[in-house]
Amino acid sequence: MNLAEEQGSGRSGAAHHPHAWPGSVTYLAPEPLDGVGRPDTPVRSDRDRRTDRTGGLPADHTQAILEATKEIAAILKTSGCPFALVGSVAVYAHGIPVPLQHDTDFAVRREDAETVTRLLQRRGVRIVEPPEDWLVKARTGGEEIDLIFALAGRPVTTELLARAWTLPVDSVHMPVIDPTDLMAVRLSAFSEHHCDFGPLLPVARGLRERVDWARVRAETSDNPMAIAFLYLLELFGVIDRADGTGGDHRPSHAEPREHHERHERRERQGGGRRGATGDER
């Protein structure tokens, strides 16, 4: 479960020439069984082969991902099942400038999985059942779609989906995960094996006024990495400290240059007095 997201830089032509998704292997079943495709023969996509040649992360292809997002959301709206956009595209929908490089994530309830996947198949979307038991993968227009039943190990619930905001995504309105839930999920995903604060810092800054930080603290209190990230936000003055004091406080090492210069002058003056005392001895 991850967050990514300079907008527009890769939009021209991206919808027709999507870039690679690194390390992806797609298992396609020519005939669906029980409404859900089953793993069969691994097929390397054009995006996979381009990644093999170029290496590293794919270039920003925001518009191609947005087109896929709109298509899937339009289908999900007709299913009668609650859902919400999550992941990097949800961050983008909340107005945070992030490049989209990978896939689109939608949260759905596990009990709605069969209904949703059957509907997507009828509309021409390829369905893939991966080894993981907490999502189903799909492909449309060369883009990867994840239908997720559990976010950071927590089941997707009716309550979580009911809290979603309705926001426009490239002109199409759809439910988007609530900012507080978004932050709680992202922080809960941190572990000793995945703890990159860099991409999440600008997201926290951008959403700071829309997040219930007390709830985020409560829901992530058992995760040391999340606690460390929240403490970092306190030091940066992004959020209030846990004791409720102002979030605009900056510790001494982050205070303006004038403070540092005053401190250095005091140190020099103190050193001079100690030197004079030594000479007198």
Protein backbone atom coordinates (compact mmCIF):
# COMPACT_ATOMS: atom_id res chain seq x y z
CA MET A 1 0.00 0.00 0.00
CA ASN A 2 1.80 2.99 -1.01
CA LEU A 3 1.52 7.30 -2.01
CA ALA A 4 3.13 8.93 -4.91
CA GLU A 5 2.15 11.59 -6.47
CA GLU A 6 4.39 17.58 -11.02
CA GLN A 7 1.59 17.54 -12.71
CA GLY A 8 1.03 17.80 -16.32
CA SER A 9 4.64 17.15 -17.27
CA GLY A 10 3.88 13.88 -18.98
CA ARG A 11 0.38 14.48 -20.19
CA SER A 12 0.94 14.98 -23.90
CA GLY A 13 0.45 11.69 -25.67
CA ALA A 14 0.48 9.76 -22.44
CA ALA A 15 -2.98 8.37 -22.98
CA HIS A 16 -1.82 6.65 -26.18
CA HIS A 17 1.67 5.69 -25.08
CA PRO A 18 1.55 4.60 -21.42
CA HIS A 19 4.90 3.94 -19.84
CA ALA A 20 6.07 0.89 -18.01
CA TRP A 21 5.15 -0.35 -14.58
CA PRO A 22 8.39 -1.73 -13.16
CA GLY A 23 8.62 -5.38 -12.30
CA SER A 24 5.02 -6.19 -13.17
CA VAL A 25 4.04 -9.61 -14.49
CA THR A 26 0.43 -9.94 -15.55
CA TYR A 27 -1.36 -13.30 -15.44
CA LEU A 28 -4.22 -13.37 -17.90
CA ALA A 29 -6.91 -16.01 -18.11
CA PRO A 30 -8.44 -16.33 -21.58
CA GLU A 31 -11.72 -17.60 -20.12
CA PRO A 32 -13.08 -16.28 -16.79
CA LEU A 33 -14.14 -18.82 -14.19
CA ASP A 34 -16.99 -18.02 -11.81
CA GLY A 35 -16.84 -14.39 -12.88
CA VAL A 36 -13.22 -13.93 -11.84
CA GLY A 37 -10.19 -14.55 -14.05
CA ARG A 38 -7.78 -17.21 -12.82
CA PRO A 39 -3.95 -17.17 -13.11
CA ASP A 40 -2.74 -18.81 -16.26
CA THR A 41 0.25 -17.96 -18.45
CA PRO A 42 2.45 -14.96 -17.58
CA VAL A 43 2.29 -12.32 -20.28
CA ARG A 44 4.82 -9.52 -20.49
CA SER A 45 3.11 -6.25 -21.40
CA ASP A 46 4.54 -3.47 -23.58
CA ARG A 47 4.99 -1.43 -20.41
CA ASP A 48 7.02 -4.29 -18.87
CA ARG A 49 9.31 -4.51 -21.89
CA ARG A 50 9.87 -0.75 -21.98
CA THR A 51 10.84 -0.84 -18.32
CA ASP A 52 13.33 -3.62 -19.04
CA ARG A 53 15.01 -1.35 -21.59
CA THR A 54 14.96 1.88 -19.60
CA GLY A 55 15.17 0.66 -15.99
CA GLY A 56 14.05 2.59 -12.92
CA LEU A 57 10.64 4.16 -12.35
CA PRO A 58 8.36 4.87 -15.31
CA ALA A 59 7.96 8.45 -16.45
CA ASP A 60 4.96 10.46 -15.30
CA HIS A 61 1.98 9.43 -17.41
CA THR A 62 -0.69 11.16 -15.41
CA GLN A 63 -3.30 11.56 -18.13
CA ALA A 64 -3.30 7.89 -19.09
CA ILE A 65 -3.89 6.91 -15.46
CA LEU A 66 -6.62 9.52 -15.07
CA GLU A 67 -8.42 8.18 -18.14
CA ALA A 68 -8.36 4.67 -16.69
CA THR A 69 -9.53 6.00 -13.34
CA LYS A 70 -12.52 7.74 -14.91
CA GLU A 71 -13.47 4.65 -16.90
CA ILE A 72 -13.42 2.31 -13.91
CA ALA A 73 -15.20 4.80 -11.64
CA ALA A 74 -17.99 5.20 -14.19
CA ILE A 75 -18.49 1.43 -14.21
CA LEU A 76 -18.35 1.11 -10.43
CA LYS A 77 -21.01 3.80 -10.08
CA THR A 78 -23.46 1.52 -11.91
CA SER A 79 -22.72 -1.46 -9.64
CA GLY A 80 -24.71 -0.19 -6.66
CA CYS A 81 -21.74 -1.09 -4.44
CA PRO A 82 -19.96 1.54 -2.36
CA PHE A 83 -16.38 2.31 -3.33
CA ALA A 84 -13.74 5.00 -2.98
CA LEU A 85 -10.67 6.10 -4.86
CA VAL A 86 -7.54 5.56 -2.76
CA GLY A 87 -3.76 5.66 -3.21
CA SER A 88 -1.79 8.16 -5.27
CA VAL A 89 -4.68 9.16 -7.51
CA ALA A 90 -6.73 10.02 -4.41
CA VAL A 91 -3.90 12.29 -3.27
CA TYR A 92 -4.02 13.93 -6.72
CA ALA A 93 -7.81 14.31 -6.44
CA HIS A 94 -7.38 16.13 -3.12
CA GLY A 95 -5.29 18.74 -4.95
CA ILE A 96 -1.79 17.64 -4.00
CA PRO A 97 0.58 17.98 -6.98
CA VAL A 98 1.99 14.49 -7.46
CA PRO A 99 3.13 12.69 -10.61
CA LEU A 100 1.20 9.50 -11.34
CA GLN A 101 3.51 6.66 -12.35
CA HIS A 102 1.95 3.34 -11.45
CA ASP A 103 -1.69 2.34 -11.12
CA THR A 104 -5.12 3.35 -9.85
CA ASP A 105 -6.45 1.98 -6.57
CA PHE A 106 -10.09 1.64 -5.57
CA ALA A 107 -11.30 0.42 -2.17
CA VAL A 108 -14.27 -1.92 -2.22
CA ARG A 109 -15.78 -4.25 0.35
CA ARG A 110 -14.77 -7.88 0.11
CA GLU A 111 -18.41 -8.96 -0.06
CA ASP A 112 -18.85 -6.84 -3.21
CA ALA A 113 -15.84 -8.30 -5.03
CA GLU A 114 -17.74 -10.79 -7.17
CA THR A 115 -20.40 -8.28 -8.20
CA VAL A 116 -17.79 -5.68 -9.11
CA THR A 117 -15.50 -8.03 -11.03
CA ARG A 118 -18.36 -9.57 -13.02
CA LEU A 119 -19.54 -6.10 -14.01
CA LEU A 120 -16.06 -4.99 -15.04
CA GLN A 121 -15.62 -8.13 -17.15
CA ARG A 122 -18.91 -7.52 -18.91
CA ARG A 123 -17.65 -4.02 -19.76
CA GLY A 124 -14.47 -5.37 -21.33
CA VAL A 125 -12.06 -4.90 -18.44
CA ARG A 126 -9.57 -7.73 -17.96
CA ILE A 127 -9.61 -9.18 -14.45
CA VAL A 128 -6.59 -10.79 -12.79
CA GLU A 129 -6.60 -12.70 -9.52
CA PRO A 130 -3.15 -12.27 -7.93
CA PRO A 131 -1.64 -14.45 -5.19
CA GLU A 132 -2.56 -11.82 -2.56
CA ASP A 133 -5.97 -12.37 -0.98
CA TRP A 134 -6.68 -8.70 -0.26
CA LEU A 135 -7.13 -7.36 -3.79
CA VAL A 136 -8.09 -8.10 -7.37
CA LYS A 137 -6.16 -6.63 -10.28
CA ALA A 138 -7.59 -5.38 -13.54
CA ARG A 139 -6.25 -3.83 -16.72
CA THR A 140 -7.78 -1.29 -19.05
CA GLY A 141 -6.18 0.87 -21.73
CA GLY A 142 -2.77 -0.52 -20.79
CA GLU A 143 -3.14 0.68 -17.18
CA GLU A 144 -3.21 -1.37 -14.00
CA ILE A 145 -6.20 -1.13 -11.65
CA ASP A 146 -6.24 -2.49 -8.10
CA LEU A 147 -9.53 -3.27 -6.37
CA ILE A 148 -8.53 -3.43 -2.71
CA PHE A 149 -10.44 -5.12 0.13
CA ALA A 150 -7.98 -4.28 2.93
CA LEU A 151 -5.96 -1.09 3.44
CA ALA A 152 -2.73 -1.59 5.41
CA GLY A 153 -4.15 -4.82 6.77
CA ARG A 154 -7.48 -3.31 7.79
CA PRO A 155 -10.65 -4.48 6.03
CA VAL A 156 -12.44 -1.91 3.90
CA THR A 157 -15.69 -1.16 5.76
CA THR A 158 -18.97 0.48 4.94
CA GLU A 159 -18.11 3.21 7.46
CA LEU A 160 -14.81 4.04 5.78
CA LEU A 161 -16.47 4.25 2.36
CA ALA A 162 -19.30 6.39 3.78
CA ARG A 163 -16.73 8.97 4.93
CA ALA A 164 -15.41 9.42 1.37
CA TRP A 165 -15.53 12.87 -0.22
CA THR A 166 -17.12 13.36 -3.63
CA LEU A 167 -14.50 15.13 -5.73
CA PRO A 168 -13.89 15.72 -9.43
CA VAL A 169 -11.13 13.66 -10.96
CA ASP A 170 -10.29 15.23 -14.30
CA SER A 171 -13.94 16.41 -14.59
CA VAL A 172 -15.60 13.15 -13.44
CA HIS A 173 -16.97 13.19 -9.89
CA MET A 174 -16.37 10.13 -7.74
CA PRO A 175 -15.97 9.17 -4.06
CA VAL A 176 -12.43 9.77 -2.81
CA ILE A 177 -11.08 8.51 0.51
CA ASP A 178 -11.40 10.97 3.39
CA PRO A 179 -8.10 12.83 4.10
CA THR A 180 -7.92 11.53 7.67
CA ASP A 181 -8.38 7.95 6.51
CA LEU A 182 -5.85 8.53 3.75
CA MET A 183 -3.18 9.65 6.22
CA ALA A 184 -4.00 6.92 8.73
CA VAL A 185 -3.73 4.24 6.05
CA ARG A 186 -0.46 5.58 4.67
CA LEU A 187 1.10 5.78 8.13
CA SER A 188 -0.15 2.34 9.08
CA ALA A 189 1.61 0.93 6.02
CA PHE A 190 5.03 2.01 7.34
CA SER A 191 7.20 -0.80 8.63
CA GLU A 192 10.84 -1.64 9.20
CA HIS A 193 10.98 -2.77 5.57
CA HIS A 194 9.14 0.23 4.12
CA CYS A 195 9.66 3.57 5.79
CA ASP A 196 10.17 6.31 3.18
CA PHE A 197 8.89 9.54 4.70
CA GLY A 198 9.89 11.69 1.71
CA PRO A 199 6.84 11.26 -0.56
CA LEU A 200 4.39 11.60 2.34
CA LEU A 201 5.74 14.86 3.78
CA PRO A 202 4.29 17.13 1.04
CA VAL A 203 1.01 15.23 1.27
CA ALA A 204 0.79 15.88 5.01
CA ARG A 205 1.58 19.57 4.45
CA GLY A 206 -1.06 19.88 1.75
CA LEU A 207 -3.77 18.11 3.73
CA ARG A 208 -2.92 19.48 7.17
CA GLU A 209 -6.10 21.56 7.54
CA ARG A 210 -8.36 18.71 6.38
CA VAL A 211 -7.03 15.94 8.60
CA ASP A 212 -8.21 15.00 12.09
CA TRP A 213 -4.72 14.47 13.48
CA ALA A 214 -6.03 13.27 16.84
CA ARG A 215 -7.75 10.37 15.09
CA VAL A 216 -4.65 9.65 13.03
CA ARG A 217 -2.59 9.47 16.24
CA ALA A 218 -5.13 7.15 17.85
CA GLU A 219 -5.34 4.81 14.86
CA THR A 220 -1.55 4.58 14.42
CA SER A 221 -0.47 4.56 18.06
CA ASP A 222 0.85 1.00 17.78
CA ASN A 223 3.16 1.79 14.85
CA PRO A 224 6.59 3.21 15.85
CA MET A 225 7.25 4.45 12.30
CA ALA A 226 3.97 6.38 12.26
CA ILE A 227 4.77 7.89 15.66
CA ALA A 228 8.17 9.00 14.36
CA PHE A 229 6.57 10.58 11.26
CA LEU A 230 4.05 12.51 13.36
CA TYR A 231 6.84 13.73 15.63
CA LEU A 232 8.69 14.93 12.54
CA LEU A 233 5.60 16.88 11.47
CA GLU A 234 5.57 18.51 14.92
CA LEU A 235 9.21 19.56 14.56
CA PHE A 236 8.51 21.03 11.14
CA GLY A 237 5.54 22.95 12.54
CA VAL A 238 3.08 21.18 10.25
CA ILE A 239 0.84 19.95 13.08
CA ASP A 240 0.32 20.72 16.75
CA ARG A 241 2.26 18.71 19.25
CA ALA A 242 0.54 15.86 21.03
CA ASP A 243 0.03 18.06 24.11
CA GLY A 244 -1.98 20.51 22.00
CA THR A 245 0.56 23.32 21.87
CA GLY A 246 1.04 25.28 18.71
CA GLY A 247 2.20 23.64 15.53
CA ASP A 248 4.13 26.73 14.48
CA HIS A 249 6.77 26.10 17.15
CA ARG A 250 10.20 25.42 15.75
CA PRO A 251 12.97 23.82 17.80
CA SER A 252 16.25 25.67 18.23
CA HIS A 253 17.98 23.83 15.38
CA ALA A 254 15.30 25.02 12.95
CA GLU A 255 15.03 28.63 14.12
CA PRO A 256 16.04 31.55 11.92
CA ARG A 257 19.63 32.44 11.11
CA GLU A 258 19.60 35.38 13.53
CA HIS A 259 19.21 33.04 16.49
CA HIS A 260 22.11 30.89 15.29
CA GLU A 261 24.32 33.94 14.84
CA ARG A 262 23.49 35.23 18.33
CA HIS A 263 24.38 31.82 19.73
CA GLU A 264 27.73 31.82 17.92
CA ARG A 265 28.53 35.33 19.23
CA ARG A 266 27.83 34.22 22.79
CA GLU A 267 30.09 31.21 22.28
CA ARG A 268 32.94 33.40 20.96
CA GLN A 269 32.55 35.86 23.81
CA GLY A 270 32.57 33.06 26.36
CA GLY A 271 35.68 31.54 24.80
CA GLY A 272 37.48 34.88 24.92
CA ARG A 273 36.77 35.29 28.63
CA ARG A 274 38.05 31.80 29.34
CA GLY A 275 41.22 32.51 27.38
CA ALA A 276 41.84 35.70 29.39
CA THR A 277 41.47 33.79 32.63
CA GLY A 278 44.01 31.24 31.46
CA ASP A 279 46.52 33.97 30.60
CA GLU A 280 46.13 35.49 34.03
CA ARG A 281 46.98 32.16 35.57
